[in-house]
Structure formats: C-alpha cells, structure tokens
C-alpha cells in the first residue's frame, strides 16, 4: 500500500508504494501512475524494533516508527488508525517470523486484559496535562460548533498506550472509561455524548477519531457557534465513510500523483490532500451531488 515516508537526508515526506515480505519491507517510486520495476529502497526487518502508536510528530498521529539494528529510523504514515494498527501487527509478525514463541506472546498480550496494579488515575491526569509530553489539545468541529482544547477518543487511546498505561486498545478504552466515570474527562459533541447513554459500560467511551472529549474542569465557554467560524465547514462536517491513498491524474498536466482521499456523507463530498504537506488542509475537492461514476476498462472506456 501507499505510505508517506520521511527522507533521511532531506527531512521531507514523499509517498512510496510499500510491499511487505517475510524479512524485509520494500518501497517503490510511482512514476506516471506506474510502479518502478526495482525498489527505491528496502528496510531489513531482522533486529528491527517497531513503535506504534508513535507520537513524535504532533500533527501526524498515525505514524509507525521502525528502527533497524543499524539505528536507522523510518517513519511511515497511514491514512487511518485501523490501517496503522493492521500494518503494525503484520510488520511485527514479520519481524518475529523466525521466533514463533514471540509471535504467540504478541497475540496473547494483544488479546489479554490486565490493567496495571495500583494504577493512579490522578497520576495519569497529571501526565495528560504535561505541556511537553501530555495529550495534545486541539480545536475541533462538531455539528457546526467549534470546541477548543479537546482531544479525540482515539488520540487518548494512542496516548495511553504510548505512555505504557495500557498494552492494548481494549485496556486503554477501559482506562479512559474509568477517567470519564471519575469525572476527570467528559464528552463534548453529539457522537461522544450519545455514547454515554449506552447501557453497555464498554461502549460509553469511543475509540474513534470523531468522538470528542475534554478535561472536566474546562469551561463550557470553549464552544463557539458556527456563525463565528470564518471558513466553509459544511462540506467538511460530514461523516467520514472511507479514506485512503489513490493515484490521481492532474487536470492541466496529465501526470499522476498520490493523494489521500476522504469520502464524506451528509453532505456528500470527496476531498483530497497532499500527504507530503505538514498541514492537514484539502488541496481540492468537490460535491458528489449530481455526479456520475463509472469504472474504466484498461483502454479508458467506461465499463458502465
């Protein structure tokens, strides 16, 4: 699949096509919409260590970090947490392919549930507040309202795992639910608030990038009405249906470039982003209302 990869010499981001083999990870350059026959580079997995979630870059929360036994760092960015966690598990399996006992232990830890003994919720909250290593607070939109100093459910799960408070997402969700039950954090916005009405305790906290939370003592003045938002939020407020990397042909220059596409519904829009840029703003997009869609055969003729 496609991943933005950070360069070693020039620390910019370039999209590469990755292929995972049993002992190595190959990556290719895409030219004219086609993959080069020989790989641009390779990451040897023998002796490699993997960090996921990797929170070294504040504005790139979906990173996988690989450190080779020669101490070379590789950063790969996925387009969703589900994709990131799936790739991380497969890469980890390839790293330990020659050690079946370690693979079994990996799956046992992933599927087990055991919170740390004598865990202190106050200590977790203090760490969350830390200005350098704590959870990053951002502004988010929900149903036309803008919320300051919030974090998403999936961001909190990532943070709890990366700081060793939990070893699996299931543990982290349970821990986050305890923080909410003890009134250290509270839900804001429609999605996370509705989840608290669920009869199932395990579904009250959402490991979701659209569910918003904030510290309980944060003032309700952190919300502002949609009239105060000076940019068009309606087309970006729809529910994300699907997202991923696609190769797109340009309108003027008929070259092909990899873009991250996000499909939204209610309202229906398709936006695309440049994954090599640091900001998270769409570089293009359009309304799907009234659109016609068809698959093309290899000769460019619509199939239907």
Foldseek 3Di string as FASTA:
>chain_A
DWWFKADDPHRFTDIWDWDDDLFKIFTFDAWQNHTDPDTPDMGGLAQKDKDPQDPPDPLQRQWIWIQHPVRDIMITGFDDNVVSVVVVLVSVCSSCVVPVVVNVVVVCQQPDADFDPPDDPVVLLVQLPDPPLHQDFAWDDAPLKIFGGKAALLSQLRSCCNVPRGVYSQNSLVSVLVCVVVQQKHWDHDPLVVQCPDPDSSRNGDSDRVTMMHGRPDDPVRMDGNVPDPDDCQVVHFDFDDKGWDWDADDPHRGTDIWIWTFGVNPTKIFTPDVRDSDDDTPDIDGCVPDDDFDADPVRDGPD
